Amino acid sequence: TGFSTYEPKHCKWSKLFPYSEMEKNIADARVVIT
């Protein structure tokens, strides 16, 4: 979510992820939205 102020209620979220976790999330995702 970065600097967004809205906190999702129905999705797993984090303001920031370490780079290695970003890579893993992208690799594991069926769809990436940026």
PDB file of all heavy atoms in Angstrom:
ATOM      1  N   THR A   1       0.792  -1.233   0.000  1.00  0.00           N
ATOM      2  CA  THR A   1       0.000   0.000   0.000  1.00  0.00           C
ATOM      3  C   THR A   1       0.823   1.282   0.000  1.00  0.00           C
ATOM      4  O   THR A   1       0.268   2.362  -0.196  1.00  0.00           O
ATOM      5  CB  THR A   1      -0.963   0.031   1.204  1.00  0.00           C
ATOM      6  OG1 THR A   1      -0.192   0.029   2.415  1.00  0.00           O
ATOM      7  CG2 THR A   1      -1.928  -1.142   1.175  1.00  0.00           C
ATOM      8  N   GLY A   2       2.118   1.196   0.258  1.00  0.00           N
ATOM      9  CA  GLY A   2       2.962   2.387   0.249  1.00  0.00           C
ATOM     10  C   GLY A   2       2.452   3.455   1.198  1.00  0.00           C
ATOM     11  O   GLY A   2       2.141   3.179   2.354  1.00  0.00           O
ATOM     12  N   PHE A   3       2.314   4.678   0.698  1.00  0.00           N
ATOM     13  CA  PHE A   3       1.894   5.804   1.527  1.00  0.00           C
ATOM     14  C   PHE A   3       0.380   6.037   1.495  1.00  0.00           C
ATOM     15  O   PHE A   3      -0.091   7.084   1.925  1.00  0.00           O
ATOM     16  CB  PHE A   3       2.645   7.075   1.111  1.00  0.00           C
ATOM     17  CG  PHE A   3       4.091   7.037   1.527  1.00  0.00           C
ATOM     18  CD1 PHE A   3       5.054   6.494   0.698  1.00  0.00           C
ATOM     19  CD2 PHE A   3       4.477   7.525   2.770  1.00  0.00           C
ATOM     20  CE1 PHE A   3       6.385   6.442   1.094  1.00  0.00           C
ATOM     21  CE2 PHE A   3       5.796   7.479   3.171  1.00  0.00           C
ATOM     22  CZ  PHE A   3       6.761   6.927   2.327  1.00  0.00           C
ATOM     23  N   SER A   4      -0.366   5.046   1.006  1.00  0.00           N
ATOM     24  CA  SER A   4      -1.824   5.145   1.029  1.00  0.00           C
ATOM     25  C   SER A   4      -2.284   5.142   2.489  1.00  0.00           C
ATOM     26  O   SER A   4      -1.671   4.511   3.341  1.00  0.00           O
ATOM     27  CB  SER A   4      -2.452   3.976   0.280  1.00  0.00           C
ATOM     28  OG  SER A   4      -2.015   3.970  -1.053  1.00  0.00           O
ATOM     29  N   THR A   5      -3.382   5.833   2.737  1.00  0.00           N
ATOM     30  CA  THR A   5      -3.908   5.891   4.110  1.00  0.00           C
ATOM     31  C   THR A   5      -5.032   4.882   4.330  1.00  0.00           C
ATOM     32  O   THR A   5      -5.347   4.555   5.469  1.00  0.00           O
ATOM     33  CB  THR A   5      -4.421   7.312   4.434  1.00  0.00           C
ATOM     34  OG1 THR A   5      -5.378   7.695   3.445  1.00  0.00           O
ATOM     35  CG2 THR A   5      -3.264   8.310   4.457  1.00  0.00           C
ATOM     36  N   TYR A   6      -5.611   4.389   3.249  1.00  0.00           N
ATOM     37  CA  TYR A   6      -6.664   3.381   3.367  1.00  0.00           C
ATOM     38  C   TYR A   6      -6.033   2.035   3.721  1.00  0.00           C
ATOM     39  O   TYR A   6      -5.044   1.626   3.110  1.00  0.00           O
ATOM     40  CB  TYR A   6      -7.438   3.258   2.055  1.00  0.00           C
ATOM     41  CG  TYR A   6      -8.503   2.185   2.089  1.00  0.00           C
ATOM     42  CD1 TYR A   6      -9.739   2.429   2.672  1.00  0.00           C
ATOM     43  CD2 TYR A   6      -8.257   0.926   1.559  1.00  0.00           C
ATOM     44  CE1 TYR A   6     -10.715   1.447   2.729  1.00  0.00           C
ATOM     45  CE2 TYR A   6      -9.222  -0.070   1.598  1.00  0.00           C
ATOM     46  CZ  TYR A   6     -10.443   0.196   2.190  1.00  0.00           C
ATOM     47  OH  TYR A   6     -11.402  -0.790   2.241  1.00  0.00           O
ATOM     48  N   GLU A   7      -6.605   1.355   4.710  1.00  0.00           N
ATOM     49  CA  GLU A   7      -6.133   0.030   5.116  1.00  0.00           C
ATOM     50  C   GLU A   7      -7.133  -1.021   4.651  1.00  0.00           C
ATOM     51  O   GLU A   7      -8.282  -1.020   5.099  1.00  0.00           O
ATOM     52  CB  GLU A   7      -5.942  -0.028   6.631  1.00  0.00           C
ATOM     53  CG  GLU A   7      -4.853   0.906   7.119  1.00  0.00           C
ATOM     54  CD  GLU A   7      -4.609   0.818   8.623  1.00  0.00           C
ATOM     55  OE1 GLU A   7      -5.338   0.096   9.339  1.00  0.00           O
ATOM     56  OE2 GLU A   7      -3.662   1.482   9.079  1.00  0.00           O
ATOM     57  N   PRO A   8      -6.711  -1.907   3.745  1.00  0.00           N
ATOM     58  CA  PRO A   8      -7.621  -2.927   3.216  1.00  0.00           C
ATOM     59  C   PRO A   8      -8.200  -3.811   4.325  1.00  0.00           C
ATOM     60  O   PRO A   8      -7.523  -4.142   5.292  1.00  0.00           O
ATOM     61  CB  PRO A   8      -6.736  -3.749   2.278  1.00  0.00           C
ATOM     62  CG  PRO A   8      -5.610  -2.838   1.927  1.00  0.00           C
ATOM     63  CD  PRO A   8      -5.383  -1.982   3.132  1.00  0.00           C
ATOM     64  N   LYS A   9      -9.453  -4.182   4.139  1.00  0.00           N
ATOM     65  CA  LYS A   9     -10.157  -5.026   5.109  1.00  0.00           C
ATOM     66  C   LYS A   9     -10.322  -6.461   4.608  1.00  0.00           C
ATOM     67  O   LYS A   9     -10.626  -7.355   5.377  1.00  0.00           O
ATOM     68  CB  LYS A   9     -11.526  -4.413   5.409  1.00  0.00           C
ATOM     69  CG  LYS A   9     -11.436  -3.053   6.081  1.00  0.00           C
ATOM     70  CD  LYS A   9     -12.770  -2.304   5.989  1.00  0.00           C
ATOM     71  CE  LYS A   9     -12.676  -0.890   6.483  1.00  0.00           C
ATOM     72  NZ  LYS A   9     -11.710  -0.047   5.797  1.00  0.00           N
ATOM     73  N   HIS A  10     -10.143  -6.672   3.305  1.00  0.00           N
ATOM     74  CA  HIS A  10     -10.426  -7.978   2.716  1.00  0.00           C
ATOM     75  C   HIS A  10      -9.199  -8.593   2.032  1.00  0.00           C
ATOM     76  O   HIS A  10      -9.309  -9.660   1.425  1.00  0.00           O
ATOM     77  CB  HIS A  10     -11.583  -7.850   1.713  1.00  0.00           C
ATOM     78  CG  HIS A  10     -12.778  -7.201   2.320  1.00  0.00           C
ATOM     79  ND1 HIS A  10     -13.650  -7.867   3.140  1.00  0.00           N
ATOM     80  CD2 HIS A  10     -13.221  -5.923   2.280  1.00  0.00           C
ATOM     81  CE1 HIS A  10     -14.585  -7.040   3.559  1.00  0.00           C
ATOM     82  NE2 HIS A  10     -14.347  -5.854   3.048  1.00  0.00           N
ATOM     83  N   CYS A  11      -8.075  -7.931   2.117  1.00  0.00           N
ATOM     84  CA  CYS A  11      -6.848  -8.380   1.467  1.00  0.00           C
ATOM     85  C   CYS A  11      -5.700  -8.353   2.470  1.00  0.00           C
ATOM     86  O   CYS A  11      -5.676  -7.519   3.372  1.00  0.00           O
ATOM     87  CB  CYS A  11      -6.486  -7.448   0.304  1.00  0.00           C
ATOM     88  SG  CYS A  11      -7.786  -7.221  -0.915  1.00  0.00           S
ATOM     89  N   LYS A  12      -4.732  -9.224   2.266  1.00  0.00           N
ATOM     90  CA  LYS A  12      -3.493  -9.157   3.038  1.00  0.00           C
ATOM     91  C   LYS A  12      -2.712  -7.953   2.514  1.00  0.00           C
ATOM     92  O   LYS A  12      -2.689  -7.711   1.301  1.00  0.00           O
ATOM     93  CB  LYS A  12      -2.698 -10.449   2.828  1.00  0.00           C
ATOM     94  CG  LYS A  12      -1.401 -10.492   3.589  1.00  0.00           C
ATOM     95  CD  LYS A  12      -0.657 -11.791   3.324  1.00  0.00           C
ATOM     96  CE  LYS A  12       0.728 -11.698   3.913  1.00  0.00           C
ATOM     97  NZ  LYS A  12       1.585 -12.821   3.510  1.00  0.00           N
ATOM     98  N   TRP A  13      -2.084  -7.196   3.406  1.00  0.00           N
ATOM     99  CA  TRP A  13      -1.384  -6.005   2.942  1.00  0.00           C
ATOM    100  C   TRP A  13      -0.234  -5.623   3.865  1.00  0.00           C
ATOM    101  O   TRP A  13      -0.178  -6.039   5.025  1.00  0.00           O
ATOM    102  CB  TRP A  13      -2.345  -4.830   2.809  1.00  0.00           C
ATOM    103  CG  TRP A  13      -2.932  -4.371   4.125  1.00  0.00           C
ATOM    104  CD1 TRP A  13      -4.008  -4.916   4.774  1.00  0.00           C
ATOM    105  CD2 TRP A  13      -2.463  -3.308   4.946  1.00  0.00           C
ATOM    106  NE1 TRP A  13      -4.238  -4.248   5.955  1.00  0.00           N
ATOM    107  CE2 TRP A  13      -3.305  -3.254   6.080  1.00  0.00           C
ATOM    108  CE3 TRP A  13      -1.419  -2.396   4.837  1.00  0.00           C
ATOM    109  CZ2 TRP A  13      -3.133  -2.327   7.102  1.00  0.00           C
ATOM    110  CZ3 TRP A  13      -1.251  -1.473   5.854  1.00  0.00           C
ATOM    111  CH2 TRP A  13      -2.097  -1.439   6.970  1.00  0.00           C
ATOM    112  N   SER A  14       0.645  -4.816   3.327  1.00  0.00           N
ATOM    113  CA  SER A  14       1.738  -4.208   4.082  1.00  0.00           C
ATOM    114  C   SER A  14       2.087  -2.904   3.383  1.00  0.00           C
ATOM    115  O   SER A  14       1.991  -2.809   2.158  1.00  0.00           O
ATOM    116  CB  SER A  14       2.950  -5.132   4.111  1.00  0.00           C
ATOM    117  OG  SER A  14       4.015  -4.531   4.828  1.00  0.00           O
ATOM    118  N   LYS A  15       2.485  -1.908   4.152  1.00  0.00           N
ATOM    119  CA  LYS A  15       2.888  -0.638   3.538  1.00  0.00           C
ATOM    120  C   LYS A  15       4.052  -0.870   2.566  1.00  0.00           C
ATOM    121  O   LYS A  15       4.036  -0.369   1.453  1.00  0.00           O
ATOM    122  CB  LYS A  15       3.265   0.380   4.609  1.00  0.00           C
ATOM    123  CG  LYS A  15       2.044   0.868   5.379  1.00  0.00           C
ATOM    124  CD  LYS A  15       2.135   2.361   5.584  1.00  0.00           C
ATOM    125  CE  LYS A  15       0.872   2.894   6.176  1.00  0.00           C
ATOM    126  NZ  LYS A  15      -0.035   3.477   5.194  1.00  0.00           N
ATOM    127  N   LEU A  16       5.038  -1.606   3.004  1.00  0.00           N
ATOM    128  CA  LEU A  16       6.213  -1.905   2.181  1.00  0.00           C
ATOM    129  C   LEU A  16       6.626  -3.354   2.418  1.00  0.00           C
ATOM    130  O   LEU A  16       6.374  -3.910   3.488  1.00  0.00           O
ATOM    131  CB  LEU A  16       7.377  -0.971   2.535  1.00  0.00           C
ATOM    132  CG  LEU A  16       7.115   0.523   2.327  1.00  0.00           C
ATOM    133  CD1 LEU A  16       8.230   1.346   2.965  1.00  0.00           C
ATOM    134  CD2 LEU A  16       6.994   0.858   0.849  1.00  0.00           C
ATOM    135  N   PHE A  17       7.258  -3.954   1.425  1.00  0.00           N
ATOM    136  CA  PHE A  17       7.830  -5.284   1.539  1.00  0.00           C
ATOM    137  C   PHE A  17       9.320  -5.186   1.252  1.00  0.00           C
ATOM    138  O   PHE A  17       9.731  -4.376   0.407  1.00  0.00           O
ATOM    139  CB  PHE A  17       7.214  -6.248   0.513  1.00  0.00           C
ATOM    140  CG  PHE A  17       5.793  -6.634   0.779  1.00  0.00           C
ATOM    141  CD1 PHE A  17       4.753  -6.104   0.030  1.00  0.00           C
ATOM    142  CD2 PHE A  17       5.475  -7.556   1.774  1.00  0.00           C
ATOM    143  CE1 PHE A  17       3.438  -6.467   0.249  1.00  0.00           C
ATOM    144  CE2 PHE A  17       4.164  -7.927   2.013  1.00  0.00           C
ATOM    145  CZ  PHE A  17       3.139  -7.386   1.255  1.00  0.00           C
ATOM    146  N   PRO A  18      10.133  -6.023   1.896  1.00  0.00           N
ATOM    147  CA  PRO A  18      11.545  -6.086   1.492  1.00  0.00           C
ATOM    148  C   PRO A  18      11.627  -6.510   0.020  1.00  0.00           C
ATOM    149  O   PRO A  18      10.727  -7.195  -0.490  1.00  0.00           O
ATOM    150  CB  PRO A  18      12.136  -7.173   2.400  1.00  0.00           C
ATOM    151  CG  PRO A  18      11.156  -7.352   3.508  1.00  0.00           C
ATOM    152  CD  PRO A  18       9.818  -6.942   2.977  1.00  0.00           C
ATOM    153  N   TYR A  19      12.687  -6.122  -0.644  1.00  0.00           N
ATOM    154  CA  TYR A  19      12.838  -6.403  -2.076  1.00  0.00           C
ATOM    155  C   TYR A  19      12.673  -7.889  -2.384  1.00  0.00           C
ATOM    156  O   TYR A  19      11.980  -8.256  -3.342  1.00  0.00           O
ATOM    157  CB  TYR A  19      14.202  -5.896  -2.564  1.00  0.00           C
ATOM    158  CG  TYR A  19      14.371  -5.992  -4.059  1.00  0.00           C
ATOM    159  CD1 TYR A  19      13.775  -5.057  -4.894  1.00  0.00           C
ATOM    160  CD2 TYR A  19      15.109  -7.018  -4.634  1.00  0.00           C
ATOM    161  CE1 TYR A  19      13.914  -5.141  -6.276  1.00  0.00           C
ATOM    162  CE2 TYR A  19      15.255  -7.111  -6.009  1.00  0.00           C
ATOM    163  CZ  TYR A  19      14.655  -6.168  -6.822  1.00  0.00           C
ATOM    164  OH  TYR A  19      14.790  -6.252  -8.182  1.00  0.00           O
ATOM    165  N   SER A  20      13.272  -8.751  -1.574  1.00  0.00           N
ATOM    166  CA  SER A  20      13.175 -10.193  -1.824  1.00  0.00           C
ATOM    167  C   SER A  20      11.729 -10.679  -1.739  1.00  0.00           C
ATOM    168  O   SER A  20      11.315 -11.568  -2.485  1.00  0.00           O
ATOM    169  CB  SER A  20      14.061 -10.981  -0.846  1.00  0.00           C
ATOM    170  OG  SER A  20      13.649 -10.738   0.489  1.00  0.00           O
ATOM    171  N   GLU A  21      10.941 -10.090  -0.862  1.00  0.00           N
ATOM    172  CA  GLU A  21       9.534 -10.467  -0.750  1.00  0.00           C
ATOM    173  C   GLU A  21       8.729  -9.924  -1.936  1.00  0.00           C
ATOM    174  O   GLU A  21       7.793 -10.571  -2.404  1.00  0.00           O
ATOM    175  CB  GLU A  21       8.955  -9.973   0.578  1.00  0.00           C
ATOM    176  CG  GLU A  21       7.708 -10.710   0.989  1.00  0.00           C
ATOM    177  CD  GLU A  21       7.298 -10.432   2.421  1.00  0.00           C
ATOM    178  OE1 GLU A  21       8.150 -10.064   3.248  1.00  0.00           O
ATOM    179  OE2 GLU A  21       6.093 -10.589   2.692  1.00  0.00           O
ATOM    180  N   MET A  22       9.105  -8.740  -2.418  1.00  0.00           N
ATOM    181  CA  MET A  22       8.469  -8.205  -3.635  1.00  0.00           C
ATOM    182  C   MET A  22       8.707  -9.181  -4.793  1.00  0.00           C
ATOM    183  O   MET A  22       7.775  -9.519  -5.524  1.00  0.00           O
ATOM    184  CB  MET A  22       9.041  -6.832  -4.004  1.00  0.00           C
ATOM    185  CG  MET A  22       8.631  -5.704  -3.095  1.00  0.00           C
ATOM    186  SD  MET A  22       6.924  -5.194  -3.316  1.00  0.00           S
ATOM    187  CE  MET A  22       6.985  -4.420  -4.917  1.00  0.00           C
ATOM    188  N   GLU A  23       9.953  -9.616  -4.943  1.00  0.00           N
ATOM    189  CA  GLU A  23      10.282 -10.561  -6.011  1.00  0.00           C
ATOM    190  C   GLU A  23       9.468 -11.846  -5.883  1.00  0.00           C
ATOM    191  O   GLU A  23       8.934 -12.343  -6.879  1.00  0.00           O
ATOM    192  CB  GLU A  23      11.776 -10.916  -5.972  1.00  0.00           C
ATOM    193  CG  GLU A  23      12.690  -9.836  -6.459  1.00  0.00           C
ATOM    194  CD  GLU A  23      14.135 -10.255  -6.418  1.00  0.00           C
ATOM    195  OE1 GLU A  23      14.575 -10.825  -5.389  1.00  0.00           O
ATOM    196  OE2 GLU A  23      14.836 -10.028  -7.426  1.00  0.00           O
ATOM    197  N   LYS A  24       9.365 -12.353  -4.675  1.00  0.00           N
ATOM    198  CA  LYS A  24       8.605 -13.587  -4.440  1.00  0.00           C
ATOM    199  C   LYS A  24       7.125 -13.386  -4.747  1.00  0.00           C
ATOM    200  O   LYS A  24       6.503 -14.226  -5.410  1.00  0.00           O
ATOM    201  CB  LYS A  24       8.789 -14.075  -3.004  1.00  0.00           C
ATOM    202  CG  LYS A  24       8.040 -15.373  -2.719  1.00  0.00           C
ATOM    203  CD  LYS A  24       8.281 -15.863  -1.313  1.00  0.00           C
ATOM    204  CE  LYS A  24       7.576 -17.164  -0.977  1.00  0.00           C
ATOM    205  NZ  LYS A  24       6.574 -17.673  -1.842  1.00  0.00           N
ATOM    206  N   ASN A  25       6.551 -12.280  -4.271  1.00  0.00           N
ATOM    207  CA  ASN A  25       5.135 -12.008  -4.534  1.00  0.00           C
ATOM    208  C   ASN A  25       4.853 -11.902  -6.031  1.00  0.00           C
ATOM    209  O   ASN A  25       3.852 -12.426  -6.525  1.00  0.00           O
ATOM    210  CB  ASN A  25       4.684 -10.733  -3.828  1.00  0.00           C
ATOM    211  CG  ASN A  25       4.565 -10.913  -2.325  1.00  0.00           C
ATOM    212  OD1 ASN A  25       4.362 -12.017  -1.829  1.00  0.00           O
ATOM    213  ND2 ASN A  25       4.692  -9.825  -1.596  1.00  0.00           N
ATOM    214  N   ILE A  26       5.744 -11.252  -6.752  1.00  0.00           N
ATOM    215  CA  ILE A  26       5.572 -11.105  -8.203  1.00  0.00           C
ATOM    216  C   ILE A  26       5.694 -12.459  -8.886  1.00  0.00           C
ATOM    217  O   ILE A  26       4.885 -12.807  -9.751  1.00  0.00           O
ATOM    218  CB  ILE A  26       6.565 -10.071  -8.769  1.00  0.00           C
ATOM    219  CG1 ILE A  26       6.115  -8.661  -8.344  1.00  0.00           C
ATOM    220  CG2 ILE A  26       6.696 -10.181 -10.286  1.00  0.00           C
ATOM    221  CD1 ILE A  26       7.115  -7.573  -8.595  1.00  0.00           C
ATOM    222  N   ALA A  27       6.686 -13.247  -8.484  1.00  0.00           N
ATOM    223  CA  ALA A  27       6.876 -14.575  -9.086  1.00  0.00           C
ATOM    224  C   ALA A  27       5.686 -15.491  -8.807  1.00  0.00           C
ATOM    225  O   ALA A  27       5.266 -16.263  -9.670  1.00  0.00           O
ATOM    226  CB  ALA A  27       8.170 -15.194  -8.568  1.00  0.00           C
ATOM    227  N   ASP A  28       5.132 -15.413  -7.600  1.00  0.00           N
ATOM    228  CA  ASP A  28       4.027 -16.295  -7.201  1.00  0.00           C
ATOM    229  C   ASP A  28       2.666 -15.861  -7.741  1.00  0.00           C
ATOM    230  O   ASP A  28       1.734 -16.658  -7.786  1.00  0.00           O
ATOM    231  CB  ASP A  28       3.936 -16.379  -5.672  1.00  0.00           C
ATOM    232  CG  ASP A  28       5.125 -17.095  -5.042  1.00  0.00           C
ATOM    233  OD1 ASP A  28       5.907 -17.731  -5.785  1.00  0.00           O
ATOM    234  OD2 ASP A  28       5.283 -17.015  -3.806  1.00  0.00           O
ATOM    235  N   ALA A  29       2.548 -14.596  -8.128  1.00  0.00           N
ATOM    236  CA  ALA A  29       1.243 -14.057  -8.525  1.00  0.00           C
ATOM    237  C   ALA A  29       0.807 -14.569  -9.892  1.00  0.00           C
ATOM    238  O   ALA A  29       1.621 -14.707 -10.804  1.00  0.00           O
ATOM    239  CB  ALA A  29       1.301 -12.529  -8.549  1.00  0.00           C
ATOM    240  N   ARG A  30      -0.480 -14.814 -10.017  1.00  0.00           N
ATOM    241  CA  ARG A  30      -1.063 -15.090 -11.330  1.00  0.00           C
ATOM    242  C   ARG A  30      -1.204 -13.785 -12.092  1.00  0.00           C
ATOM    243  O   ARG A  30      -0.973 -13.712 -13.292  1.00  0.00           O
ATOM    244  CB  ARG A  30      -2.428 -15.757 -11.178  1.00  0.00           C
ATOM    245  CG  ARG A  30      -3.088 -16.105 -12.512  1.00  0.00           C
ATOM    246  CD  ARG A  30      -4.441 -16.775 -12.322  1.00  0.00           C
ATOM    247  NE  ARG A  30      -5.466 -15.835 -11.882  1.00  0.00           N
ATOM    248  CZ  ARG A  30      -6.140 -15.017 -12.681  1.00  0.00           C
ATOM    249  NH1 ARG A  30      -5.904 -14.996 -13.983  1.00  0.00           N
ATOM    250  NH2 ARG A  30      -7.062 -14.200 -12.190  1.00  0.00           N
ATOM    251  N   VAL A  31      -1.582 -12.709 -11.360  1.00  0.00           N
ATOM    252  CA  VAL A  31      -1.742 -11.379 -11.936  1.00  0.00           C
ATOM    253  C   VAL A  31      -1.006 -10.379 -11.057  1.00  0.00           C
ATOM    254  O   VAL A  31      -1.112 -10.437  -9.831  1.00  0.00           O
ATOM    255  CB  VAL A  31      -3.234 -10.973 -12.014  1.00  0.00           C
ATOM    256  CG1 VAL A  31      -3.381  -9.558 -12.579  1.00  0.00           C
ATOM    257  CG2 VAL A  31      -4.043 -11.962 -12.821  1.00  0.00           C
ATOM    258  N   VAL A  32      -0.276  -9.474 -11.695  1.00  0.00           N
ATOM    259  CA  VAL A  32       0.385  -8.370 -10.989  1.00  0.00           C
ATOM    260  C   VAL A  32      -0.271  -7.077 -11.456  1.00  0.00           C
ATOM    261  O   VAL A  32      -0.399  -6.836 -12.654  1.00  0.00           O
ATOM    262  CB  VAL A  32       1.901  -8.328 -11.265  1.00  0.00           C
ATOM    263  CG1 VAL A  32       2.549  -7.134 -10.569  1.00  0.00           C
ATOM    264  CG2 VAL A  32       2.568  -9.639 -10.847  1.00  0.00           C
ATOM    265  N   ILE A  33      -0.679  -6.265 -10.479  1.00  0.00           N
ATOM    266  CA  ILE A  33      -1.256  -4.949 -10.770  1.00  0.00           C
ATOM    267  C   ILE A  33      -0.313  -3.912 -10.174  1.00  0.00           C
ATOM    268  O   ILE A  33       0.045  -4.003  -8.999  1.00  0.00           O
ATOM    269  CB  ILE A  33      -2.665  -4.807 -10.156  1.00  0.00           C
ATOM    270  CG1 ILE A  33      -3.597  -5.890 -10.704  1.00  0.00           C
ATOM    271  CG2 ILE A  33      -3.225  -3.401 -10.425  1.00  0.00           C
ATOM    272  CD1 ILE A  33      -4.933  -5.976  -9.993  1.00  0.00           C
ATOM    273  N   THR A  34       0.095  -2.938 -10.981  1.00  0.00           N
ATOM    274  CA  THR A  34       1.032  -1.925 -10.510  1.00  0.00           C
ATOM    275  C   THR A  34       0.513  -0.526 -10.831  1.00  0.00           C
ATOM    276  O   THR A  34      -0.409  -0.354 -11.613  1.00  0.00           O
ATOM    277  CB  THR A  34       2.419  -2.062 -11.185  1.00  0.00           C
ATOM    278  OG1 THR A  34       2.382  -1.502 -12.497  1.00  0.00           O
ATOM    279  CG2 THR A  34       2.887  -3.503 -11.238  1.00  0.00           C
TER     280      THR A  34
END
